[in-house]
């Protein structure tokens, strides 16, 4: 059985949210698009 995974992107094309059956991962970036925070479910 395949799991559904959804991805959300901001206006700059950066991944900001990944939603899986286990929960959601949230990504935050600095003004230079460097990943600064990864929030786990």
C-alpha atoms as a PDB file:
ATOM      1  CA  UNK A   1       0.000   0.000   0.000  1.00  0.00           C
ATOM      2  CA  UNK A   2       1.403   3.366  -0.993  1.00  0.00           C
ATOM      3  CA  UNK A   3       1.531   6.225   1.471  1.00  0.00           C
ATOM      4  CA  UNK A   4       0.370   9.682   0.458  1.00  0.00           C
ATOM      5  CA  UNK A   5       2.927  12.458   0.918  1.00  0.00           C
ATOM      6  CA  UNK A   6       2.019  16.107   0.292  1.00  0.00           C
ATOM      7  CA  UNK A   7       4.509  18.921  -0.235  1.00  0.00           C
ATOM      8  CA  UNK A   8       3.913  22.678   0.148  1.00  0.00           C
ATOM      9  CA  UNK A   9       6.191  25.380  -1.243  1.00  0.00           C
ATOM     10  CA  UNK A  10       6.489  29.124  -0.666  1.00  0.00           C
ATOM     11  CA  UNK A  11       6.541  31.769  -3.413  1.00  0.00           C
ATOM     12  CA  UNK A  12      10.309  31.317  -3.787  1.00  0.00           C
ATOM     13  CA  UNK A  13       9.913  27.606  -4.468  1.00  0.00           C
ATOM     14  CA  UNK A  14      11.288  26.490  -1.109  1.00  0.00           C
ATOM     15  CA  UNK A  15       9.806  23.450   0.593  1.00  0.00           C
ATOM     16  CA  UNK A  16       7.951  24.690   3.680  1.00  0.00           C
ATOM     17  CA  UNK A  17       5.838  21.679   4.680  1.00  0.00           C
ATOM     18  CA  UNK A  18       5.890  17.940   4.087  1.00  0.00           C
ATOM     19  CA  UNK A  19       2.856  16.018   5.282  1.00  0.00           C
ATOM     20  CA  UNK A  20       2.902  12.244   5.711  1.00  0.00           C
ATOM     21  CA  UNK A  21       0.599   9.818   7.530  1.00  0.00           C
ATOM     22  CA  UNK A  22       3.018  10.065  10.488  1.00  0.00           C
ATOM     23  CA  UNK A  23       2.693  13.865  10.745  1.00  0.00           C
ATOM     24  CA  UNK A  24       3.983  17.088   9.234  1.00  0.00           C
ATOM     25  CA  UNK A  25       7.521  18.405   8.885  1.00  0.00           C
ATOM     26  CA  UNK A  26       7.911  22.196   8.756  1.00  0.00           C
ATOM     27  CA  UNK A  27      10.886  23.970   7.199  1.00  0.00           C
ATOM     28  CA  UNK A  28      12.008  27.570   7.858  1.00  0.00           C
ATOM     29  CA  UNK A  29      14.628  29.558   5.974  1.00  0.00           C
ATOM     30  CA  UNK A  30      16.722  32.685   6.455  1.00  0.00           C
ATOM     31  CA  UNK A  31      16.619  35.557   3.911  1.00  0.00           C
ATOM     32  CA  UNK A  32      19.343  33.821   1.853  1.00  0.00           C
ATOM     33  CA  UNK A  33      17.222  30.640   1.581  1.00  0.00           C
ATOM     34  CA  UNK A  34      19.412  28.643   3.958  1.00  0.00           C
ATOM     35  CA  UNK A  35      17.443  26.123   6.000  1.00  0.00           C
ATOM     36  CA  UNK A  36      17.395  27.340   9.602  1.00  0.00           C
ATOM     37  CA  UNK A  37      14.726  25.232  11.301  1.00  0.00           C
ATOM     38  CA  UNK A  38      13.269  21.792  10.725  1.00  0.00           C
ATOM     39  CA  UNK A  39      10.283  21.013  12.945  1.00  0.00           C
ATOM     40  CA  UNK A  40       9.463  17.337  13.340  1.00  0.00           C
ATOM     41  CA  UNK A  41       5.961  15.948  14.007  1.00  0.00           C
END
